[in-house]
Amino acid sequence: MFLSYAQEDEVLLRQLETHLALLKRQGLISTWYNRLVAPGTNRAEEIDEQLEQASVILLLISADFLASDYCYQIEMKRALERHEANQAYVIPIIIRPSDWKTTSFAHLTVLPDTGKPLTEWRNRDSACANIVAGIRRVIEDLSLLPASTSQSVDTSPTTDSPEQAHEEASQPLNASVDPLQSPADVPPREPQAQSGIVTWLKLLIVGVTILLVGAAILGGIWLMQQNSASSLPKARQTLNQFCMDLKEGEYSDAYRLLNSYWHAIYSTVDQFKQEWVNLDITDCIVGEFQQVNKDIYTGVITLPRATNKTPARELVTIGDKDDGIWKVSDWRTAS
């Protein structure tokens, strides 16, 4: 998988690559981008070679990408040529706002599937998860998985000539059907004739399935209620501890309570400390708390300063379903 991006968007590239890690672990993809060019290698030749070999090409679209002559006129142009020739599948990823709807790739289906830029999502992890889910659909629907996982191996003898075998192996990638689009227009298959007993068994299976699903839903509702009751104190405790660390000057402890999004902005504790010292904050007061959904809570805090008072801030805390750890995700001016 080839990732084409502008250097100004490297932080967002790294964040997306983290979410692609599971696909790598499962052996479904390997990724390549220009930072992986080895020292001493002809950079242009290596990029061209990787671009020609890729089955899936991601275009990380932003204003800087569209302004880059190399990204737009060389990498994107060649990627679209291979897409039109059914040699590769191109997926534009909208990471920052730009005038992309007037470009030559505007007819392609983009990710996230809403077309909303990654940076405008309230939770960037959710945006990246949406993107990865779309990429997984492409890999599965275009039969790009390894033979051992995507299809059975035919061990029967064949009488094809070497010329026929070579012709079949060189067939272009079938991208006539877009896996990112709805299959509503695909005609349904003709139902096969079924005996009465088969029909009865299917109805029985459907009935049992409905009962099991109903029981699972009721159990899930009960668990959500229990989790919500226990998560609110954890979320409040996270913000209380964050405020306490700021007031006491324990910037290292406060920094550890931030999630990966903030760590991308403040790559070191010293940068984070300098930001808060510049604000000249004299106190940090946690006020009203509100549950957004089962995984997200917002707390309104007030940050008085030495000379005047800033508006109230809303700090968003996000809970990790696996280990129950809550992190400070983002903040904004309260409405």
Foldseek 3Di string as FASTA:
>chain_A
DEEQEFPVCVLVVVVLVVVCVVCVVVVLDDYDYQVPDDPPDPSVVVNVVVLQPAQEYEYADDPRQCVDCCNVVPSVVVNVVCVVVLAHHYEYEQAYDDPCCPDPCVVPQYPPNVPDHLVPDPFSVVRSNSVSVLVVLVSQVQVVGPCVPNHDDDPDDDDDDPVVVVVVVPDHRPPVDPSSDDPPVPDDDDDDDDDPVVVVVVVVVVVVVVVVVVVVVVVVVVVLVVLQVVLVVQQVVLLVVLQVCLQVVVQVVNVVQADVVVCSVVVDSVSVSVVSVVQQFNGKAWDDKADPGSFKIKIWIWTAHPPGTDAIKIWMWGADPPPRHIHTYDMDHDD
